[in-house]
Amino acid sequence: MSKKPSARLAAAGFKGWDGTDPFEDHAGPYFFRKTDAGEVICAFEAGPQHCNGGGFLHGGSLMTFADFSLFAIGSDILHGPAVTVSFNAEFTASTGPGEVIL
């Protein structure tokens, strides 16, 4: 899977992580950028491969993206690798393919 963002995400300054994570390579691709204020923002473009049988973005896909986001933020703050120990979520709305998820 390409770690290069689409033209839409690249124009907004997003880039792929240079490291290796076979699961996220399979589940993503996910991207990030750092703002001038130092905040890390993560994004991906939802495609059919991220959706469930009903055509909505799969909760597991969102959780994987959230885990990537926690890694990106934590690694930036810690100046090195980070892993997620625990987190939970409640889904309050749905979306589908073609949307940029931040």
PDB file of N, CA and C in Angstrom:
ATOM      1  N   MET A   1       0.844  -1.173   0.000  1.00  0.00           N
ATOM      2  CA  MET A   1       0.000   0.000   0.000  1.00  0.00           C
ATOM      3  C   MET A   1       0.892   1.239   0.000  1.00  0.00           C
ATOM      4  N   SER A   2       0.524   2.212  -0.777  1.00  0.00           N
ATOM      5  CA  SER A   2       1.305   3.434  -0.893  1.00  0.00           C
ATOM      6  C   SER A   2       1.241   4.248   0.393  1.00  0.00           C
ATOM      7  N   LYS A   3       2.390   4.746   0.794  1.00  0.00           N
ATOM      8  CA  LYS A   3       2.436   5.643   1.947  1.00  0.00           C
ATOM      9  C   LYS A   3       2.425   7.094   1.489  1.00  0.00           C
ATOM     10  N   LYS A   4       2.144   7.301   0.205  1.00  0.00           N
ATOM     11  CA  LYS A   4       2.065   8.660  -0.316  1.00  0.00           C
ATOM     12  C   LYS A   4       0.622   9.132  -0.244  1.00  0.00           C
ATOM     13  N   PRO A   5       0.408  10.316   0.304  1.00  0.00           N
ATOM     14  CA  PRO A   5      -0.962  10.826   0.390  1.00  0.00           C
ATOM     15  C   PRO A   5      -1.504  11.213  -0.981  1.00  0.00           C
ATOM     16  N   SER A   6      -2.804  11.252  -1.081  1.00  0.00           N
ATOM     17  CA  SER A   6      -3.450  11.727  -2.303  1.00  0.00           C
ATOM     18  C   SER A   6      -3.083  13.194  -2.515  1.00  0.00           C
ATOM     19  N   ALA A   7      -3.357  13.697  -3.692  1.00  0.00           N
ATOM     20  CA  ALA A   7      -3.085  15.108  -3.975  1.00  0.00           C
ATOM     21  C   ALA A   7      -3.817  16.008  -2.985  1.00  0.00           C
ATOM     22  N   ARG A   8      -5.021  15.617  -2.610  1.00  0.00           N
ATOM     23  CA  ARG A   8      -5.824  16.408  -1.671  1.00  0.00           C
ATOM     24  C   ARG A   8      -5.144  16.500  -0.303  1.00  0.00           C
ATOM     25  N   LEU A   9      -4.641  15.377   0.218  1.00  0.00           N
ATOM     26  CA  LEU A   9      -3.975  15.404   1.522  1.00  0.00           C
ATOM     27  C   LEU A   9      -2.576  16.008   1.424  1.00  0.00           C
ATOM     28  N   ALA A  10      -1.863  15.725   0.328  1.00  0.00           N
ATOM     29  CA  ALA A  10      -0.522  16.287   0.146  1.00  0.00           C
ATOM     30  C   ALA A  10      -0.585  17.810   0.097  1.00  0.00           C
ATOM     31  N   ALA A  11      -1.595  18.353  -0.569  1.00  0.00           N
ATOM     32  CA  ALA A  11      -1.748  19.808  -0.656  1.00  0.00           C
ATOM     33  C   ALA A  11      -1.976  20.425   0.722  1.00  0.00           C
ATOM     34  N   ALA A  12      -2.537  19.650   1.635  1.00  0.00           N
ATOM     35  CA  ALA A  12      -2.774  20.131   3.004  1.00  0.00           C
ATOM     36  C   ALA A  12      -1.576  19.868   3.915  1.00  0.00           C
ATOM     37  N   GLY A  13      -0.482  19.313   3.361  1.00  0.00           N
ATOM     38  CA  GLY A  13       0.741  19.112   4.131  1.00  0.00           C
ATOM     39  C   GLY A  13       0.877  17.772   4.821  1.00  0.00           C
ATOM     40  N   PHE A  14      -0.005  16.817   4.527  1.00  0.00           N
ATOM     41  CA  PHE A  14       0.073  15.507   5.173  1.00  0.00           C
ATOM     42  C   PHE A  14       1.139  14.645   4.517  1.00  0.00           C
ATOM     43  N   LYS A  15       1.786  13.809   5.325  1.00  0.00           N
ATOM     44  CA  LYS A  15       2.787  12.869   4.824  1.00  0.00           C
ATOM     45  C   LYS A  15       2.630  11.548   5.551  1.00  0.00           C
ATOM     46  N   GLY A  16       3.224  10.505   4.988  1.00  0.00           N
ATOM     47  CA  GLY A  16       3.191   9.186   5.605  1.00  0.00           C
ATOM     48  C   GLY A  16       4.316   9.020   6.608  1.00  0.00           C
ATOM     49  N   TRP A  17       4.127   8.076   7.520  1.00  0.00           N
ATOM     50  CA  TRP A  17       5.164   7.736   8.493  1.00  0.00           C
ATOM     51  C   TRP A  17       6.201   6.879   7.792  1.00  0.00           C
ATOM     52  N   ASP A  18       7.493   7.134   8.038  1.00  0.00           N
ATOM     53  CA  ASP A  18       8.565   6.413   7.364  1.00  0.00           C
ATOM     54  C   ASP A  18       8.861   5.054   7.972  1.00  0.00           C
ATOM     55  N   GLY A  19       8.339   4.766   9.146  1.00  0.00           N
ATOM     56  CA  GLY A  19       8.618   3.507   9.828  1.00  0.00           C
ATOM     57  C   GLY A  19       7.847   2.338   9.241  1.00  0.00           C
ATOM     58  N   THR A  20       7.978   1.194   9.889  1.00  0.00           N
ATOM     59  CA  THR A  20       7.325  -0.030   9.443  1.00  0.00           C
ATOM     60  C   THR A  20       6.286  -0.464  10.469  1.00  0.00           C
ATOM     61  N   ASP A  21       5.073  -0.666  10.016  1.00  0.00           N
ATOM     62  CA  ASP A  21       4.006  -1.235  10.827  1.00  0.00           C
ATOM     63  C   ASP A  21       3.117  -2.029   9.886  1.00  0.00           C
ATOM     64  N   PRO A  22       3.375  -3.332   9.746  1.00  0.00           N
ATOM     65  CA  PRO A  22       2.637  -4.129   8.762  1.00  0.00           C
ATOM     66  C   PRO A  22       1.123  -4.048   8.907  1.00  0.00           C
ATOM     67  N   PHE A  23       0.613  -4.004  10.134  1.00  0.00           N
ATOM     68  CA  PHE A  23      -0.841  -3.943  10.295  1.00  0.00           C
ATOM     69  C   PHE A  23      -1.396  -2.622   9.773  1.00  0.00           C
ATOM     70  N   GLU A  24      -0.779  -1.519  10.157  1.00  0.00           N
ATOM     71  CA  GLU A  24      -1.265  -0.224   9.687  1.00  0.00           C
ATOM     72  C   GLU A  24      -1.032  -0.046   8.193  1.00  0.00           C
ATOM     73  N   ASP A  25       0.033  -0.653   7.660  1.00  0.00           N
ATOM     74  CA  ASP A  25       0.224  -0.630   6.207  1.00  0.00           C
ATOM     75  C   ASP A  25      -0.953  -1.314   5.518  1.00  0.00           C
ATOM     76  N   HIS A  26      -1.453  -2.374   6.114  1.00  0.00           N
ATOM     77  CA  HIS A  26      -2.594  -3.111   5.553  1.00  0.00           C
ATOM     78  C   HIS A  26      -3.909  -2.361   5.777  1.00  0.00           C
ATOM     79  N   ALA A  27      -4.082  -1.772   6.945  1.00  0.00           N
ATOM     80  CA  ALA A  27      -5.359  -1.155   7.318  1.00  0.00           C
ATOM     81  C   ALA A  27      -5.516   0.275   6.809  1.00  0.00           C
ATOM     82  N   GLY A  28      -4.426   0.981   6.576  1.00  0.00           N
ATOM     83  CA  GLY A  28      -4.456   2.395   6.201  1.00  0.00           C
ATOM     84  C   GLY A  28      -4.675   2.613   4.716  1.00  0.00           C
ATOM     85  N   PRO A  29      -3.924   3.516   4.149  1.00  0.00           N
ATOM     86  CA  PRO A  29      -2.809   4.270   4.728  1.00  0.00           C
ATOM     87  C   PRO A  29      -3.290   5.466   5.548  1.00  0.00           C
ATOM     88  N   TYR A  30      -2.471   5.796   6.564  1.00  0.00           N
ATOM     89  CA  TYR A  30      -2.747   6.921   7.443  1.00  0.00           C
ATOM     90  C   TYR A  30      -1.635   7.952   7.286  1.00  0.00           C
ATOM     91  N   PHE A  31      -1.976   9.218   7.512  1.00  0.00           N
ATOM     92  CA  PHE A  31      -1.034  10.308   7.305  1.00  0.00           C
ATOM     93  C   PHE A  31      -1.095  11.287   8.469  1.00  0.00           C
ATOM     94  N   PHE A  32      -0.074  12.149   8.554  1.00  0.00           N
ATOM     95  CA  PHE A  32      -0.039  13.149   9.616  1.00  0.00           C
ATOM     96  C   PHE A  32       0.653  14.404   9.111  1.00  0.00           C
ATOM     97  N   ARG A  33       0.442  15.477   9.845  1.00  0.00           N
ATOM     98  CA  ARG A  33       1.192  16.712   9.614  1.00  0.00           C
ATOM     99  C   ARG A  33       1.314  17.433  10.943  1.00  0.00           C
ATOM    100  N   LYS A  34       2.314  18.276  11.037  1.00  0.00           N
ATOM    101  CA  LYS A  34       2.520  19.075  12.239  1.00  0.00           C
ATOM    102  C   LYS A  34       2.223  20.528  11.879  1.00  0.00           C
ATOM    103  N   THR A  35       1.386  21.160  12.673  1.00  0.00           N
ATOM    104  CA  THR A  35       1.010  22.546  12.408  1.00  0.00           C
ATOM    105  C   THR A  35       2.115  23.497  12.865  1.00  0.00           C
ATOM    106  N   ASP A  36       2.013  24.746  12.457  1.00  0.00           N
ATOM    107  CA  ASP A  36       2.971  25.762  12.903  1.00  0.00           C
ATOM    108  C   ASP A  36       2.948  25.925  14.418  1.00  0.00           C
ATOM    109  N   ALA A  37       1.809  25.610  15.035  1.00  0.00           N
ATOM    110  CA  ALA A  37       1.680  25.700  16.496  1.00  0.00           C
ATOM    111  C   ALA A  37       2.233  24.462  17.202  1.00  0.00           C
ATOM    112  N   GLY A  38       2.703  23.473  16.423  1.00  0.00           N
ATOM    113  CA  GLY A  38       3.280  22.273  17.009  1.00  0.00           C
ATOM    114  C   GLY A  38       2.308  21.136  17.240  1.00  0.00           C
ATOM    115  N   GLU A  39       1.061  21.283  16.815  1.00  0.00           N
ATOM    116  CA  GLU A  39       0.072  20.211  16.980  1.00  0.00           C
ATOM    117  C   GLU A  39       0.245  19.164  15.884  1.00  0.00           C
ATOM    118  N   VAL A  40       0.021  17.918  16.230  1.00  0.00           N
ATOM    119  CA  VAL A  40       0.034  16.829  15.258  1.00  0.00           C
ATOM    120  C   VAL A  40      -1.408  16.541  14.862  1.00  0.00           C
ATOM    121  N   ILE A  41      -1.673  16.560  13.563  1.00  0.00           N
ATOM    122  CA  ILE A  41      -3.002  16.256  13.033  1.00  0.00           C
ATOM    123  C   ILE A  41      -2.864  15.055  12.112  1.00  0.00           C
ATOM    124  N   CYS A  42      -3.727  14.082  12.277  1.00  0.00           N
ATOM    125  CA  CYS A  42      -3.689  12.866  11.466  1.00  0.00           C
ATOM    126  C   CYS A  42      -4.916  12.806  10.566  1.00  0.00           C
ATOM    127  N   ALA A  43      -4.777  12.100   9.444  1.00  0.00           N
ATOM    128  CA  ALA A  43      -5.888  12.010   8.491  1.00  0.00           C
ATOM    129  C   ALA A  43      -5.759  10.754   7.644  1.00  0.00           C
ATOM    130  N   PHE A  44      -6.899  10.328   7.102  1.00  0.00           N
ATOM    131  CA  PHE A  44      -6.902   9.336   6.034  1.00  0.00           C
ATOM    132  C   PHE A  44      -8.154   9.529   5.208  1.00  0.00           C
ATOM    133  N   GLU A  45      -8.090   9.032   3.984  1.00  0.00           N
ATOM    134  CA  GLU A  45      -9.253   9.095   3.107  1.00  0.00           C
ATOM    135  C   GLU A  45      -9.958   7.754   3.155  1.00  0.00           C
ATOM    136  N   ALA A  46     -11.197   7.761   3.596  1.00  0.00           N
ATOM    137  CA  ALA A  46     -11.968   6.525   3.701  1.00  0.00           C
ATOM    138  C   ALA A  46     -12.257   5.982   2.307  1.00  0.00           C
ATOM    139  N   GLY A  47     -11.963   4.709   2.127  1.00  0.00           N
ATOM    140  CA  GLY A  47     -12.252   4.028   0.871  1.00  0.00           C
ATOM    141  C   GLY A  47     -13.152   2.836   1.132  1.00  0.00           C
ATOM    142  N   PRO A  48     -13.583   2.160   0.092  1.00  0.00           N
ATOM    143  CA  PRO A  48     -14.445   0.987   0.265  1.00  0.00           C
ATOM    144  C   PRO A  48     -13.821  -0.079   1.169  1.00  0.00           C
ATOM    145  N   GLN A  49     -12.487  -0.178   1.161  1.00  0.00           N
ATOM    146  CA  GLN A  49     -11.794  -1.176   1.981  1.00  0.00           C
ATOM    147  C   GLN A  49     -11.887  -0.859   3.469  1.00  0.00           C
ATOM    148  N   HIS A  50     -12.291   0.342   3.832  1.00  0.00           N
ATOM    149  CA  HIS A  50     -12.431   0.738   5.235  1.00  0.00           C
ATOM    150  C   HIS A  50     -13.861   0.581   5.744  1.00  0.00           C
ATOM    151  N   CYS A  51     -14.761   0.103   4.891  1.00  0.00           N
ATOM    152  CA  CYS A  51     -16.190   0.076   5.220  1.00  0.00           C
ATOM    153  C   CYS A  51     -16.688  -1.317   5.584  1.00  0.00           C
ATOM    154  N   ASN A  52     -17.815  -1.342   6.289  1.00  0.00           N
ATOM    155  CA  ASN A  52     -18.467  -2.603   6.635  1.00  0.00           C
ATOM    156  C   ASN A  52     -19.439  -3.000   5.525  1.00  0.00           C
ATOM    157  N   GLY A  53     -20.160  -4.081   5.734  1.00  0.00           N
ATOM    158  CA  GLY A  53     -21.099  -4.577   4.729  1.00  0.00           C
ATOM    159  C   GLY A  53     -22.231  -3.620   4.422  1.00  0.00           C
ATOM    160  N   GLY A  54     -22.509  -2.698   5.334  1.00  0.00           N
ATOM    161  CA  GLY A  54     -23.561  -1.712   5.112  1.00  0.00           C
ATOM    162  C   GLY A  54     -23.087  -0.484   4.354  1.00  0.00           C
ATOM    163  N   GLY A  55     -21.779  -0.445   4.027  1.00  0.00           N
ATOM    164  CA  GLY A  55     -21.237   0.690   3.296  1.00  0.00           C
ATOM    165  C   GLY A  55     -20.798   1.850   4.165  1.00  0.00           C
ATOM    166  N   PHE A  56     -20.822   1.646   5.486  1.00  0.00           N
ATOM    167  CA  PHE A  56     -20.383   2.685   6.416  1.00  0.00           C
ATOM    168  C   PHE A  56     -18.965   2.387   6.887  1.00  0.00           C
ATOM    169  N   LEU A  57     -18.255   3.423   7.292  1.00  0.00           N
ATOM    170  CA  LEU A  57     -16.906   3.246   7.813  1.00  0.00           C
ATOM    171  C   LEU A  57     -16.948   2.287   9.003  1.00  0.00           C
ATOM    172  N   HIS A  58     -16.135   1.256   8.967  1.00  0.00           N
ATOM    173  CA  HIS A  58     -16.103   0.207   9.992  1.00  0.00           C
ATOM    174  C   HIS A  58     -15.495   0.761  11.282  1.00  0.00           C
ATOM    175  N   GLY A  59     -16.108   0.446  12.421  1.00  0.00           N
ATOM    176  CA  GLY A  59     -15.602   0.903  13.710  1.00  0.00           C
ATOM    177  C   GLY A  59     -14.175   0.458  13.971  1.00  0.00           C
ATOM    178  N   GLY A  60     -13.826  -0.745  13.536  1.00  0.00           N
ATOM    179  CA  GLY A  60     -12.458  -1.230  13.710  1.00  0.00           C
ATOM    180  C   GLY A  60     -11.458  -0.399  12.926  1.00  0.00           C
ATOM    181  N   SER A  61     -11.877   0.078  11.769  1.00  0.00           N
ATOM    182  CA  SER A  61     -11.020   0.952  10.972  1.00  0.00           C
ATOM    183  C   SER A  61     -10.786   2.271  11.703  1.00  0.00           C
ATOM    184  N   LEU A  62     -11.845   2.805  12.290  1.00  0.00           N
ATOM    185  CA  LEU A  62     -11.698   4.046  13.063  1.00  0.00           C
ATOM    186  C   LEU A  62     -10.809   3.849  14.285  1.00  0.00           C
ATOM    187  N   MET A  63     -10.946   2.711  14.956  1.00  0.00           N
ATOM    188  CA  MET A  63     -10.114   2.445  16.134  1.00  0.00           C
ATOM    189  C   MET A  63      -8.640   2.301  15.738  1.00  0.00           C
ATOM    190  N   THR A  64      -8.384   1.663  14.599  1.00  0.00           N
ATOM    191  CA  THR A  64      -7.007   1.535  14.126  1.00  0.00           C
ATOM    192  C   THR A  64      -6.430   2.906  13.804  1.00  0.00           C
ATOM    193  N   PHE A  65      -7.227   3.751  13.151  1.00  0.00           N
ATOM    194  CA  PHE A  65      -6.782   5.113  12.860  1.00  0.00           C
ATOM    195  C   PHE A  65      -6.542   5.891  14.158  1.00  0.00           C
ATOM    196  N   ALA A  66      -7.413   5.727  15.140  1.00  0.00           N
ATOM    197  CA  ALA A  66      -7.228   6.402  16.427  1.00  0.00           C
ATOM    198  C   ALA A  66      -5.932   5.944  17.090  1.00  0.00           C
ATOM    199  N   ASP A  67      -5.620   4.654  16.987  1.00  0.00           N
ATOM    200  CA  ASP A  67      -4.381   4.127  17.550  1.00  0.00           C
ATOM    201  C   ASP A  67      -3.175   4.744  16.841  1.00  0.00           C
ATOM    202  N   PHE A  68      -3.229   4.835  15.507  1.00  0.00           N
ATOM    203  CA  PHE A  68      -2.161   5.493  14.751  1.00  0.00           C
ATOM    204  C   PHE A  68      -2.000   6.938  15.226  1.00  0.00           C
ATOM    205  N   SER A  69      -3.121   7.625  15.422  1.00  0.00           N
ATOM    206  CA  SER A  69      -3.083   9.024  15.852  1.00  0.00           C
ATOM    207  C   SER A  69      -2.438   9.166  17.224  1.00  0.00           C
ATOM    208  N   LEU A  70      -2.792   8.274  18.154  1.00  0.00           N
ATOM    209  CA  LEU A  70      -2.169   8.298  19.480  1.00  0.00           C
ATOM    210  C   LEU A  70      -0.666   8.065  19.375  1.00  0.00           C
ATOM    211  N   PHE A  71      -0.258   7.144  18.491  1.00  0.00           N
ATOM    212  CA  PHE A  71       1.169   6.893  18.259  1.00  0.00           C
ATOM    213  C   PHE A  71       1.856   8.149  17.728  1.00  0.00           C
ATOM    214  N   ALA A  72       1.257   8.782  16.717  1.00  0.00           N
ATOM    215  CA  ALA A  72       1.872   9.962  16.098  1.00  0.00           C
ATOM    216  C   ALA A  72       2.023  11.096  17.109  1.00  0.00           C
ATOM    217  N   ILE A  73       0.999  11.325  17.903  1.00  0.00           N
ATOM    218  CA  ILE A  73       1.047  12.384  18.912  1.00  0.00           C
ATOM    219  C   ILE A  73       2.043  12.025  20.012  1.00  0.00           C
ATOM    220  N   GLY A  74       1.961  10.796  20.523  1.00  0.00           N
ATOM    221  CA  GLY A  74       2.856  10.362  21.593  1.00  0.00           C
ATOM    222  C   GLY A  74       4.309  10.362  21.180  1.00  0.00           C
ATOM    223  N   SER A  75       4.597   9.887  19.976  1.00  0.00           N
ATOM    224  CA  SER A  75       5.978   9.853  19.491  1.00  0.00           C
ATOM    225  C   SER A  75       6.554  11.255  19.367  1.00  0.00           C
ATOM    226  N   ASP A  76       5.721  12.197  18.952  1.00  0.00           N
ATOM    227  CA  ASP A  76       6.174  13.581  18.836  1.00  0.00           C
ATOM    228  C   ASP A  76       6.487  14.158  20.213  1.00  0.00           C
ATOM    229  N   ILE A  77       5.624  13.917  21.166  1.00  0.00           N
ATOM    230  CA  ILE A  77       5.821  14.448  22.522  1.00  0.00           C
ATOM    231  C   ILE A  77       7.015  13.785  23.206  1.00  0.00           C
ATOM    232  N   LEU A  78       7.146  12.471  23.025  1.00  0.00           N
ATOM    233  CA  LEU A  78       8.209  11.713  23.694  1.00  0.00           C
ATOM    234  C   LEU A  78       9.524  11.717  22.921  1.00  0.00           C
ATOM    235  N   HIS A  79       9.505  12.223  21.694  1.00  0.00           N
ATOM    236  CA  HIS A  79      10.681  12.222  20.816  1.00  0.00           C
ATOM    237  C   HIS A  79      11.213  10.813  20.595  1.00  0.00           C
ATOM    238  N   GLY A  80      10.316   9.870  20.459  1.00  0.00           N
ATOM    239  CA  GLY A  80      10.687   8.481  20.219  1.00  0.00           C
ATOM    240  C   GLY A  80       9.447   7.626  20.130  1.00  0.00           C
ATOM    241  N   PRO A  81       9.639   6.317  20.036  1.00  0.00           N
ATOM    242  CA  PRO A  81       8.499   5.416  19.868  1.00  0.00           C
ATOM    243  C   PRO A  81       7.525   5.472  21.042  1.00  0.00           C
ATOM    244  N   ALA A  82       6.277   5.195  20.727  1.00  0.00           N
ATOM    245  CA  ALA A  82       5.232   5.151  21.746  1.00  0.00           C
ATOM    246  C   ALA A  82       4.241   4.060  21.368  1.00  0.00           C
ATOM    247  N   VAL A  83       3.604   3.473  22.355  1.00  0.00           N
ATOM    248  CA  VAL A  83       2.557   2.482  22.100  1.00  0.00           C
ATOM    249  C   VAL A  83       1.325   2.856  22.912  1.00  0.00           C
ATOM    250  N   THR A  84       0.178   2.476  22.410  1.00  0.00           N
ATOM    251  CA  THR A  84      -1.075   2.715  23.113  1.00  0.00           C
ATOM    252  C   THR A  84      -1.277   1.611  24.140  1.00  0.00           C
ATOM    253  N   VAL A  85      -1.528   1.981  25.372  1.00  0.00           N
ATOM    254  CA  VAL A  85      -1.770   1.008  26.431  1.00  0.00           C
ATOM    255  C   VAL A  85      -3.263   0.745  26.579  1.00  0.00           C
ATOM    256  N   SER A  86      -4.066   1.798  26.532  1.00  0.00           N
ATOM    257  CA  SER A  86      -5.503   1.635  26.716  1.00  0.00           C
ATOM    258  C   SER A  86      -6.243   2.836  26.149  1.00  0.00           C
ATOM    259  N   PHE A  87      -7.364   2.591  25.507  1.00  0.00           N
ATOM    260  CA  PHE A  87      -8.295   3.649  25.136  1.00  0.00           C
ATOM    261  C   PHE A  87      -9.614   3.013  24.744  1.00  0.00           C
ATOM    262  N   ASN A  88     -10.686   3.805  24.793  1.00  0.00           N
ATOM    263  CA  ASN A  88     -11.990   3.292  24.383  1.00  0.00           C
ATOM    264  C   ASN A  88     -12.708   4.373  23.595  1.00  0.00           C
ATOM    265  N   ALA A  89     -13.783   3.997  22.946  1.00  0.00           N
ATOM    266  CA  ALA A  89     -14.497   4.950  22.095  1.00  0.00           C
ATOM    267  C   ALA A  89     -15.983   4.638  22.061  1.00  0.00           C
ATOM    268  N   GLU A  90     -16.746   5.649  21.765  1.00  0.00           N
ATOM    269  CA  GLU A  90     -18.169   5.514  21.463  1.00  0.00           C
ATOM    270  C   GLU A  90     -18.391   6.191  20.122  1.00  0.00           C
ATOM    271  N   PHE A  91     -19.085   5.528  19.228  1.00  0.00           N
ATOM    272  CA  PHE A  91     -19.330   6.073  17.901  1.00  0.00           C
ATOM    273  C   PHE A  91     -20.661   6.812  17.912  1.00  0.00           C
ATOM    274  N   THR A  92     -20.653   8.053  17.442  1.00  0.00           N
ATOM    275  CA  THR A  92     -21.848   8.895  17.517  1.00  0.00           C
ATOM    276  C   THR A  92     -22.435   9.264  16.163  1.00  0.00           C
ATOM    277  N   ALA A  93     -21.732   8.943  15.085  1.00  0.00           N
ATOM    278  CA  ALA A  93     -22.224   9.260  13.739  1.00  0.00           C
ATOM    279  C   ALA A  93     -21.567   8.303  12.753  1.00  0.00           C
ATOM    280  N   SER A  94     -22.045   8.311  11.531  1.00  0.00           N
ATOM    281  CA  SER A  94     -21.471   7.427  10.514  1.00  0.00           C
ATOM    282  C   SER A  94     -21.005   8.235   9.316  1.00  0.00           C
ATOM    283  N   THR A  95     -20.150   7.616   8.536  1.00  0.00           N
ATOM    284  CA  THR A  95     -19.680   8.198   7.282  1.00  0.00           C
ATOM    285  C   THR A  95     -19.339   7.058   6.343  1.00  0.00           C
ATOM    286  N   GLY A  96     -18.932   7.375   5.163  1.00  0.00           N
ATOM    287  CA  GLY A  96     -18.630   6.342   4.182  1.00  0.00           C
ATOM    288  C   GLY A  96     -17.437   6.702   3.330  1.00  0.00           C
ATOM    289  N   PRO A  97     -17.244   5.961   2.249  1.00  0.00           N
ATOM    290  CA  PRO A  97     -16.080   6.173   1.395  1.00  0.00           C
ATOM    291  C   PRO A  97     -16.076   7.565   0.763  1.00  0.00           C
ATOM    292  N   GLY A  98     -14.861   8.050   0.529  1.00  0.00           N
ATOM    293  CA  GLY A  98     -14.688   9.351  -0.105  1.00  0.00           C
ATOM    294  C   GLY A  98     -14.475  10.492   0.862  1.00  0.00           C
ATOM    295  N   GLU A  99     -14.705  10.249   2.140  1.00  0.00           N
ATOM    296  CA  GLU A  99     -14.548  11.304   3.149  1.00  0.00           C
ATOM    297  C   GLU A  99     -13.119  11.332   3.687  1.00  0.00           C
ATOM    298  N   VAL A 100     -12.625  12.521   3.992  1.00  0.00           N
ATOM    299  CA  VAL A 100     -11.356  12.664   4.702  1.00  0.00           C
ATOM    300  C   VAL A 100     -11.679  12.632   6.183  1.00  0.00           C
ATOM    301  N   ILE A 101     -11.026  11.719   6.896  1.00  0.00           N
ATOM    302  CA  ILE A 101     -11.232  11.553   8.333  1.00  0.00           C
ATOM    303  C   ILE A 101     -10.044  12.182   9.044  1.00  0.00           C
ATOM    304  N   LEU A 102     -10.305  13.101   9.957  1.00  0.00           N
ATOM    305  CA  LEU A 102      -9.243  13.764  10.731  1.00  0.00           C
ATOM    306  C   LEU A 102      -9.309  13.298  12.168  1.00  0.00           C
TER     307      LEU A 102
END
